[in-house]
Amino acid sequence: MIMILQFKDDMNKRNDFFRKLNTSPVLLWNALAAIIFIGLGLAIVIVPSLTGSDMRLRIGLGGILTVYGLFRFWTFYNGVKDRDDA
């Protein structure tokens, strides 16, 4: 019985998260932008043929994009944490 209640509590937390995400397009954009920028930054660092430039420029550009993606993810996390409309 305790396991069922714990599962129900976990599902309520997930439902609250998706309800917050669904009611605010800004939060959804922050999440999608974080995924896009982190993915693009890592792809530029890992695949050298994407930019066709030397290693320092590739690592620098990929690093900047990855850091910006992490910043967008941080703003997304804070937005979900601070929102209490669910």
PDB file of N, CA and C in Angstrom:
ATOM      1  N   MET A   1       0.817  -1.198   0.000  1.00  0.00           N
ATOM      2  CA  MET A   1       0.000   0.000   0.000  1.00  0.00           C
ATOM      3  C   MET A   1       0.861   1.263   0.000  1.00  0.00           C
ATOM      4  N   ILE A   2       1.982   1.191   0.710  1.00  0.00           N
ATOM      5  CA  ILE A   2       2.867   2.346   0.778  1.00  0.00           C
ATOM      6  C   ILE A   2       3.487   2.621  -0.588  1.00  0.00           C
ATOM      7  N   MET A   3       3.826   1.568  -1.316  1.00  0.00           N
ATOM      8  CA  MET A   3       4.419   1.738  -2.638  1.00  0.00           C
ATOM      9  C   MET A   3       3.433   2.402  -3.602  1.00  0.00           C
ATOM     10  N   ILE A   4       2.159   2.049  -3.470  1.00  0.00           N
ATOM     11  CA  ILE A   4       1.139   2.659  -4.334  1.00  0.00           C
ATOM     12  C   ILE A   4       1.020   4.145  -4.038  1.00  0.00           C
ATOM     13  N   LEU A   5       1.061   4.509  -2.767  1.00  0.00           N
ATOM     14  CA  LEU A   5       0.972   5.921  -2.395  1.00  0.00           C
ATOM     15  C   LEU A   5       2.208   6.691  -2.867  1.00  0.00           C
ATOM     16  N   GLN A   6       3.382   6.075  -2.781  1.00  0.00           N
ATOM     17  CA  GLN A   6       4.594   6.731  -3.260  1.00  0.00           C
ATOM     18  C   GLN A   6       4.538   6.920  -4.776  1.00  0.00           C
ATOM     19  N   PHE A   7       4.046   5.913  -5.487  1.00  0.00           N
ATOM     20  CA  PHE A   7       3.911   6.018  -6.940  1.00  0.00           C
ATOM     21  C   PHE A   7       2.919   7.113  -7.304  1.00  0.00           C
ATOM     22  N   LYS A   8       1.829   7.181  -6.547  1.00  0.00           N
ATOM     23  CA  LYS A   8       0.822   8.209  -6.807  1.00  0.00           C
ATOM     24  C   LYS A   8       1.392   9.608  -6.566  1.00  0.00           C
ATOM     25  N   ASP A   9       2.204   9.756  -5.524  1.00  0.00           N
ATOM     26  CA  ASP A   9       2.834  11.039  -5.235  1.00  0.00           C
ATOM     27  C   ASP A   9       3.820  11.422  -6.342  1.00  0.00           C
ATOM     28  N   ASP A  10       4.585  10.450  -6.843  1.00  0.00           N
ATOM     29  CA  ASP A  10       5.509  10.719  -7.952  1.00  0.00           C
ATOM     30  C   ASP A  10       4.746  11.138  -9.203  1.00  0.00           C
ATOM     31  N   MET A  11       3.641  10.485  -9.483  1.00  0.00           N
ATOM     32  CA  MET A  11       2.851  10.841 -10.658  1.00  0.00           C
ATOM     33  C   MET A  11       2.249  12.236 -10.520  1.00  0.00           C
ATOM     34  N   ASN A  12       1.844  12.607  -9.303  1.00  0.00           N
ATOM     35  CA  ASN A  12       1.318  13.961  -9.092  1.00  0.00           C
ATOM     36  C   ASN A  12       2.386  15.011  -9.346  1.00  0.00           C
ATOM     37  N   LYS A  13       3.639  14.723  -8.931  1.00  0.00           N
ATOM     38  CA  LYS A  13       4.730  15.663  -9.190  1.00  0.00           C
ATOM     39  C   LYS A  13       4.985  15.796 -10.684  1.00  0.00           C
ATOM     40  N   ARG A  14       4.966  14.674 -11.408  1.00  0.00           N
ATOM     41  CA  ARG A  14       5.159  14.729 -12.855  1.00  0.00           C
ATOM     42  C   ARG A  14       4.016  15.481 -13.531  1.00  0.00           C
ATOM     43  N   ASN A  15       2.795  15.223 -13.091  1.00  0.00           N
ATOM     44  CA  ASN A  15       1.654  15.920 -13.681  1.00  0.00           C
ATOM     45  C   ASN A  15       1.733  17.421 -13.423  1.00  0.00           C
ATOM     46  N   ASP A  16       2.163  17.816 -12.225  1.00  0.00           N
ATOM     47  CA  ASP A  16       2.323  19.238 -11.930  1.00  0.00           C
ATOM     48  C   ASP A  16       3.388  19.863 -12.823  1.00  0.00           C
ATOM     49  N   PHE A  17       4.492  19.135 -13.049  1.00  0.00           N
ATOM     50  CA  PHE A  17       5.553  19.642 -13.915  1.00  0.00           C
ATOM     51  C   PHE A  17       5.030  19.880 -15.327  1.00  0.00           C
ATOM     52  N   PHE A  18       4.338  18.901 -15.898  1.00  0.00           N
ATOM     53  CA  PHE A  18       3.841  19.059 -17.258  1.00  0.00           C
ATOM     54  C   PHE A  18       2.706  20.075 -17.330  1.00  0.00           C
ATOM     55  N   ARG A  19       1.954  20.252 -16.273  1.00  0.00           N
ATOM     56  CA  ARG A  19       0.913  21.277 -16.256  1.00  0.00           C
ATOM     57  C   ARG A  19       1.546  22.668 -16.276  1.00  0.00           C
ATOM     58  N   LYS A  20       2.621  22.855 -15.495  1.00  0.00           N
ATOM     59  CA  LYS A  20       3.326  24.134 -15.520  1.00  0.00           C
ATOM     60  C   LYS A  20       3.930  24.394 -16.897  1.00  0.00           C
ATOM     61  N   LEU A  21       4.499  23.363 -17.478  1.00  0.00           N
ATOM     62  CA  LEU A  21       5.127  23.503 -18.790  1.00  0.00           C
ATOM     63  C   LEU A  21       4.095  23.815 -19.858  1.00  0.00           C
ATOM     64  N   ASN A  22       2.917  23.243 -19.740  1.00  0.00           N
ATOM     65  CA  ASN A  22       1.871  23.438 -20.737  1.00  0.00           C
ATOM     66  C   ASN A  22       1.211  24.808 -20.630  1.00  0.00           C
ATOM     67  N   THR A  23       1.164  25.379 -19.450  1.00  0.00           N
ATOM     68  CA  THR A  23       0.488  26.665 -19.281  1.00  0.00           C
ATOM     69  C   THR A  23       1.381  27.857 -19.599  1.00  0.00           C
ATOM     70  N   SER A  24       2.674  27.634 -19.752  1.00  0.00           N
ATOM     71  CA  SER A  24       3.580  28.752 -20.027  1.00  0.00           C
ATOM     72  C   SER A  24       4.424  28.462 -21.256  1.00  0.00           C
ATOM     73  N   PRO A  25       4.149  29.142 -22.363  1.00  0.00           N
ATOM     74  CA  PRO A  25       4.958  28.943 -23.567  1.00  0.00           C
ATOM     75  C   PRO A  25       6.410  29.394 -23.400  1.00  0.00           C
ATOM     76  N   VAL A  26       6.652  30.341 -22.504  1.00  0.00           N
ATOM     77  CA  VAL A  26       8.022  30.805 -22.281  1.00  0.00           C
ATOM     78  C   VAL A  26       8.868  29.685 -21.683  1.00  0.00           C
ATOM     79  N   LEU A  27       8.296  28.930 -20.752  1.00  0.00           N
ATOM     80  CA  LEU A  27       9.028  27.799 -20.178  1.00  0.00           C
ATOM     81  C   LEU A  27       9.309  26.741 -21.230  1.00  0.00           C
ATOM     82  N   LEU A  28       8.348  26.499 -22.077  1.00  0.00           N
ATOM     83  CA  LEU A  28       8.542  25.517 -23.139  1.00  0.00           C
ATOM     84  C   LEU A  28       9.632  25.983 -24.099  1.00  0.00           C
ATOM     85  N   TRP A  29       9.649  27.266 -24.441  1.00  0.00           N
ATOM     86  CA  TRP A  29      10.692  27.776 -25.322  1.00  0.00           C
ATOM     87  C   TRP A  29      12.068  27.668 -24.658  1.00  0.00           C
ATOM     88  N   ASN A  30      12.164  27.971 -23.360  1.00  0.00           N
ATOM     89  CA  ASN A  30      13.447  27.856 -22.665  1.00  0.00           C
ATOM     90  C   ASN A  30      13.958  26.422 -22.697  1.00  0.00           C
ATOM     91  N   ALA A  31      13.076  25.448 -22.523  1.00  0.00           N
ATOM     92  CA  ALA A  31      13.481  24.040 -22.550  1.00  0.00           C
ATOM     93  C   ALA A  31      13.945  23.641 -23.949  1.00  0.00           C
ATOM     94  N   LEU A  32      13.189  24.012 -24.963  1.00  0.00           N
ATOM     95  CA  LEU A  32      13.564  23.647 -26.332  1.00  0.00           C
ATOM     96  C   LEU A  32      14.845  24.355 -26.771  1.00  0.00           C
ATOM     97  N   ALA A  33      14.997  25.609 -26.403  1.00  0.00           N
ATOM     98  CA  ALA A  33      16.215  26.337 -26.756  1.00  0.00           C
ATOM     99  C   ALA A  33      17.428  25.729 -26.060  1.00  0.00           C
ATOM    100  N   ALA A  34      17.270  25.305 -24.817  1.00  0.00           N
ATOM    101  CA  ALA A  34      18.379  24.664 -24.107  1.00  0.00           C
ATOM    102  C   ALA A  34      18.802  23.389 -24.821  1.00  0.00           C
ATOM    103  N   ILE A  35      17.845  22.576 -25.242  1.00  0.00           N
ATOM    104  CA  ILE A  35      18.170  21.335 -25.939  1.00  0.00           C
ATOM    105  C   ILE A  35      18.855  21.623 -27.270  1.00  0.00           C
ATOM    106  N   ILE A  36      18.348  22.613 -27.990  1.00  0.00           N
ATOM    107  CA  ILE A  36      18.913  22.954 -29.300  1.00  0.00           C
ATOM    108  C   ILE A  36      20.348  23.465 -29.159  1.00  0.00           C
ATOM    109  N   PHE A  37      20.575  24.405 -28.258  1.00  0.00           N
ATOM    110  CA  PHE A  37      21.908  24.994 -28.136  1.00  0.00           C
ATOM    111  C   PHE A  37      22.928  24.016 -27.563  1.00  0.00           C
ATOM    112  N   ILE A  38      22.537  23.214 -26.601  1.00  0.00           N
ATOM    113  CA  ILE A  38      23.466  22.211 -26.063  1.00  0.00           C
ATOM    114  C   ILE A  38      23.801  21.187 -27.133  1.00  0.00           C
ATOM    115  N   GLY A  39      22.795  20.734 -27.860  1.00  0.00           N
ATOM    116  CA  GLY A  39      23.041  19.758 -28.926  1.00  0.00           C
ATOM    117  C   GLY A  39      23.915  20.319 -30.032  1.00  0.00           C
ATOM    118  N   LEU A  40      23.656  21.554 -30.442  1.00  0.00           N
ATOM    119  CA  LEU A  40      24.452  22.175 -31.492  1.00  0.00           C
ATOM    120  C   LEU A  40      25.890  22.401 -31.034  1.00  0.00           C
ATOM    121  N   GLY A  41      26.054  22.846 -29.800  1.00  0.00           N
ATOM    122  CA  GLY A  41      27.406  23.061 -29.273  1.00  0.00           C
ATOM    123  C   GLY A  41      28.202  21.777 -29.194  1.00  0.00           C
ATOM    124  N   LEU A  42      27.580  20.715 -28.708  1.00  0.00           N
ATOM    125  CA  LEU A  42      28.283  19.432 -28.631  1.00  0.00           C
ATOM    126  C   LEU A  42      28.570  18.866 -30.011  1.00  0.00           C
ATOM    127  N   ALA A  43      27.662  19.057 -30.947  1.00  0.00           N
ATOM    128  CA  ALA A  43      27.886  18.564 -32.307  1.00  0.00           C
ATOM    129  C   ALA A  43      29.060  19.299 -32.964  1.00  0.00           C
ATOM    130  N   ILE A  44      29.168  20.591 -32.746  1.00  0.00           N
ATOM    131  CA  ILE A  44      30.277  21.347 -33.325  1.00  0.00           C
ATOM    132  C   ILE A  44      31.609  20.905 -32.722  1.00  0.00           C
ATOM    133  N   VAL A  45      31.616  20.615 -31.434  1.00  0.00           N
ATOM    134  CA  VAL A  45      32.856  20.165 -30.800  1.00  0.00           C
ATOM    135  C   VAL A  45      33.227  18.760 -31.267  1.00  0.00           C
ATOM    136  N   ILE A  46      32.264  17.873 -31.387  1.00  0.00           N
ATOM    137  CA  ILE A  46      32.554  16.465 -31.689  1.00  0.00           C
ATOM    138  C   ILE A  46      32.808  16.238 -33.178  1.00  0.00           C
ATOM    139  N   VAL A  47      32.014  16.860 -34.054  1.00  0.00           N
ATOM    140  CA  VAL A  47      32.122  16.609 -35.502  1.00  0.00           C
ATOM    141  C   VAL A  47      32.909  17.753 -36.149  1.00  0.00           C
ATOM    142  N   PRO A  48      34.149  17.507 -36.552  1.00  0.00           N
ATOM    143  CA  PRO A  48      34.962  18.609 -37.086  1.00  0.00           C
ATOM    144  C   PRO A  48      34.516  19.104 -38.458  1.00  0.00           C
ATOM    145  N   SER A  49      33.798  18.316 -39.217  1.00  0.00           N
ATOM    146  CA  SER A  49      33.427  18.739 -40.564  1.00  0.00           C
ATOM    147  C   SER A  49      32.233  19.695 -40.585  1.00  0.00           C
ATOM    148  N   LEU A  50      31.624  19.982 -39.456  1.00  0.00           N
ATOM    149  CA  LEU A  50      30.486  20.910 -39.442  1.00  0.00           C
ATOM    150  C   LEU A  50      30.921  22.346 -39.721  1.00  0.00           C
ATOM    151  N   THR A  51      32.041  22.751 -39.170  1.00  0.00           N
ATOM    152  CA  THR A  51      32.493  24.125 -39.374  1.00  0.00           C
ATOM    153  C   THR A  51      33.623  24.213 -40.382  1.00  0.00           C
ATOM    154  N   GLY A  52      34.434  23.197 -40.499  1.00  0.00           N
ATOM    155  CA  GLY A  52      35.548  23.217 -41.438  1.00  0.00           C
ATOM    156  C   GLY A  52      36.654  24.178 -41.040  1.00  0.00           C
ATOM    157  N   SER A  53      36.729  24.534 -39.781  1.00  0.00           N
ATOM    158  CA  SER A  53      37.750  25.474 -39.326  1.00  0.00           C
ATOM    159  C   SER A  53      38.738  24.756 -38.401  1.00  0.00           C
ATOM    160  N   ASP A  54      39.690  25.522 -37.896  1.00  0.00           N
ATOM    161  CA  ASP A  54      40.693  24.910 -37.025  1.00  0.00           C
ATOM    162  C   ASP A  54      40.086  24.537 -35.669  1.00  0.00           C
ATOM    163  N   MET A  55      40.862  23.796 -34.903  1.00  0.00           N
ATOM    164  CA  MET A  55      40.344  23.218 -33.672  1.00  0.00           C
ATOM    165  C   MET A  55      40.014  24.284 -32.620  1.00  0.00           C
ATOM    166  N   ARG A  56      40.808  25.323 -32.511  1.00  0.00           N
ATOM    167  CA  ARG A  56      40.551  26.337 -31.476  1.00  0.00           C
ATOM    168  C   ARG A  56      39.227  27.061 -31.706  1.00  0.00           C
ATOM    169  N   LEU A  57      38.959  27.412 -32.943  1.00  0.00           N
ATOM    170  CA  LEU A  57      37.700  28.093 -33.261  1.00  0.00           C
ATOM    171  C   LEU A  57      36.511  27.159 -33.039  1.00  0.00           C
ATOM    172  N   ARG A  58      36.684  25.907 -33.421  1.00  0.00           N
ATOM    173  CA  ARG A  58      35.607  24.934 -33.265  1.00  0.00           C
ATOM    174  C   ARG A  58      35.297  24.690 -31.788  1.00  0.00           C
ATOM    175  N   ILE A  59      36.336  24.499 -30.974  1.00  0.00           N
ATOM    176  CA  ILE A  59      36.141  24.278 -29.540  1.00  0.00           C
ATOM    177  C   ILE A  59      35.546  25.527 -28.888  1.00  0.00           C
ATOM    178  N   GLY A  60      36.021  26.698 -29.297  1.00  0.00           N
ATOM    179  CA  GLY A  60      35.497  27.943 -28.727  1.00  0.00           C
ATOM    180  C   GLY A  60      34.029  28.154 -29.047  1.00  0.00           C
ATOM    181  N   LEU A  61      33.667  27.992 -30.308  1.00  0.00           N
ATOM    182  CA  LEU A  61      32.267  28.177 -30.704  1.00  0.00           C
ATOM    183  C   LEU A  61      31.370  27.127 -30.057  1.00  0.00           C
ATOM    184  N   GLY A  62      31.806  25.895 -30.065  1.00  0.00           N
ATOM    185  CA  GLY A  62      31.023  24.834 -29.429  1.00  0.00           C
ATOM    186  C   GLY A  62      30.877  25.050 -27.928  1.00  0.00           C
ATOM    187  N   GLY A  63      31.938  25.520 -27.301  1.00  0.00           N
ATOM    188  CA  GLY A  63      31.885  25.803 -25.860  1.00  0.00           C
ATOM    189  C   GLY A  63      30.931  26.928 -25.524  1.00  0.00           C
ATOM    190  N   ILE A  64      30.981  27.993 -26.341  1.00  0.00           N
ATOM    191  CA  ILE A  64      30.074  29.125 -26.104  1.00  0.00           C
ATOM    192  C   ILE A  64      28.613  28.693 -26.277  1.00  0.00           C
ATOM    193  N   LEU A  65      28.342  27.927 -27.324  1.00  0.00           N
ATOM    194  CA  LEU A  65      26.967  27.462 -27.540  1.00  0.00           C
ATOM    195  C   LEU A  65      26.508  26.533 -26.421  1.00  0.00           C
ATOM    196  N   THR A  66      27.405  25.675 -25.942  1.00  0.00           N
ATOM    197  CA  THR A  66      27.042  24.768 -24.856  1.00  0.00           C
ATOM    198  C   THR A  66      26.786  25.532 -23.562  1.00  0.00           C
ATOM    199  N   VAL A  67      27.627  26.508 -23.265  1.00  0.00           N
ATOM    200  CA  VAL A  67      27.422  27.311 -22.046  1.00  0.00           C
ATOM    201  C   VAL A  67      26.111  28.095 -22.140  1.00  0.00           C
ATOM    202  N   TYR A  68      25.808  28.648 -23.320  1.00  0.00           N
ATOM    203  CA  TYR A  68      24.550  29.362 -23.486  1.00  0.00           C
ATOM    204  C   TYR A  68      23.359  28.406 -23.336  1.00  0.00           C
ATOM    205  N   GLY A  69      23.481  27.187 -23.850  1.00  0.00           N
ATOM    206  CA  GLY A  69      22.427  26.193 -23.672  1.00  0.00           C
ATOM    207  C   GLY A  69      22.224  25.839 -22.206  1.00  0.00           C
ATOM    208  N   LEU A  70      23.326  25.736 -21.462  1.00  0.00           N
ATOM    209  CA  LEU A  70      23.203  25.471 -20.024  1.00  0.00           C
ATOM    210  C   LEU A  70      22.545  26.637 -19.296  1.00  0.00           C
ATOM    211  N   PHE A  71      22.847  27.865 -19.736  1.00  0.00           N
ATOM    212  CA  PHE A  71      22.161  29.032 -19.166  1.00  0.00           C
ATOM    213  C   PHE A  71      20.666  28.982 -19.444  1.00  0.00           C
ATOM    214  N   ARG A  72      20.278  28.631 -20.671  1.00  0.00           N
ATOM    215  CA  ARG A  72      18.854  28.523 -20.994  1.00  0.00           C
ATOM    216  C   ARG A  72      18.188  27.435 -20.164  1.00  0.00           C
ATOM    217  N   PHE A  73      18.899  26.323 -19.932  1.00  0.00           N
ATOM    218  CA  PHE A  73      18.349  25.269 -19.092  1.00  0.00           C
ATOM    219  C   PHE A  73      18.191  25.745 -17.657  1.00  0.00           C
ATOM    220  N   TRP A  74      19.144  26.542 -17.171  1.00  0.00           N
ATOM    221  CA  TRP A  74      19.055  27.065 -15.815  1.00  0.00           C
ATOM    222  C   TRP A  74      17.853  28.007 -15.676  1.00  0.00           C
ATOM    223  N   THR A  75      17.612  28.858 -16.689  1.00  0.00           N
ATOM    224  CA  THR A  75      16.442  29.730 -16.627  1.00  0.00           C
ATOM    225  C   THR A  75      15.152  28.915 -16.696  1.00  0.00           C
ATOM    226  N   PHE A  76      15.157  27.840 -17.465  1.00  0.00           N
ATOM    227  CA  PHE A  76      13.991  26.949 -17.519  1.00  0.00           C
ATOM    228  C   PHE A  76      13.742  26.318 -16.158  1.00  0.00           C
ATOM    229  N   TYR A  77      14.782  25.809 -15.529  1.00  0.00           N
ATOM    230  CA  TYR A  77      14.642  25.159 -14.220  1.00  0.00           C
ATOM    231  C   TYR A  77      14.131  26.141 -13.176  1.00  0.00           C
ATOM    232  N   ASN A  78      14.678  27.346 -13.159  1.00  0.00           N
ATOM    233  CA  ASN A  78      14.207  28.345 -12.196  1.00  0.00           C
ATOM    234  C   ASN A  78      12.765  28.760 -12.474  1.00  0.00           C
ATOM    235  N   GLY A  79      12.396  28.824 -13.739  1.00  0.00           N
ATOM    236  CA  GLY A  79      11.020  29.182 -14.080  1.00  0.00           C
ATOM    237  C   GLY A  79      10.030  28.132 -13.630  1.00  0.00           C
ATOM    238  N   VAL A  80      10.385  26.878 -13.782  1.00  0.00           N
ATOM    239  CA  VAL A  80       9.492  25.797 -13.333  1.00  0.00           C
ATOM    240  C   VAL A  80       9.428  25.770 -11.818  1.00  0.00           C
ATOM    241  N   LYS A  81      10.564  25.982 -11.176  1.00  0.00           N
ATOM    242  CA  LYS A  81      10.611  25.931  -9.715  1.00  0.00           C
ATOM    243  C   LYS A  81       9.825  27.072  -9.075  1.00  0.00           C
ATOM    244  N   ASP A  82       9.902  28.268  -9.689  1.00  0.00           N
ATOM    245  CA  ASP A  82       9.237  29.438  -9.107  1.00  0.00           C
ATOM    246  C   ASP A  82       7.751  29.527  -9.438  1.00  0.00           C
ATOM    247  N   ARG A  83       7.318  28.838 -10.447  1.00  0.00           N
ATOM    248  CA  ARG A  83       5.919  28.917 -10.879  1.00  0.00           C
ATOM    249  C   ARG A  83       5.047  28.062  -9.948  1.00  0.00           C
ATOM    250  N   ASP A  84       3.959  28.627  -9.472  1.00  0.00           N
ATOM    251  CA  ASP A  84       3.109  27.895  -8.526  1.00  0.00           C
ATOM    252  C   ASP A  84       1.647  27.896  -8.948  1.00  0.00           C
ATOM    253  N   ASP A  85       1.375  27.797 -10.240  1.00  0.00           N
ATOM    254  CA  ASP A  85      -0.004  27.829 -10.706  1.00  0.00           C
ATOM    255  C   ASP A  85      -0.607  26.443 -10.828  1.00  0.00           C
ATOM    256  N   ALA A  86       0.134  25.402 -10.573  1.00  0.00           N
ATOM    257  CA  ALA A  86      -0.392  24.045 -10.731  1.00  0.00           C
ATOM    258  C   ALA A  86      -1.136  23.580  -9.503  1.00  0.00           C
TER     259      ALA A  86
END
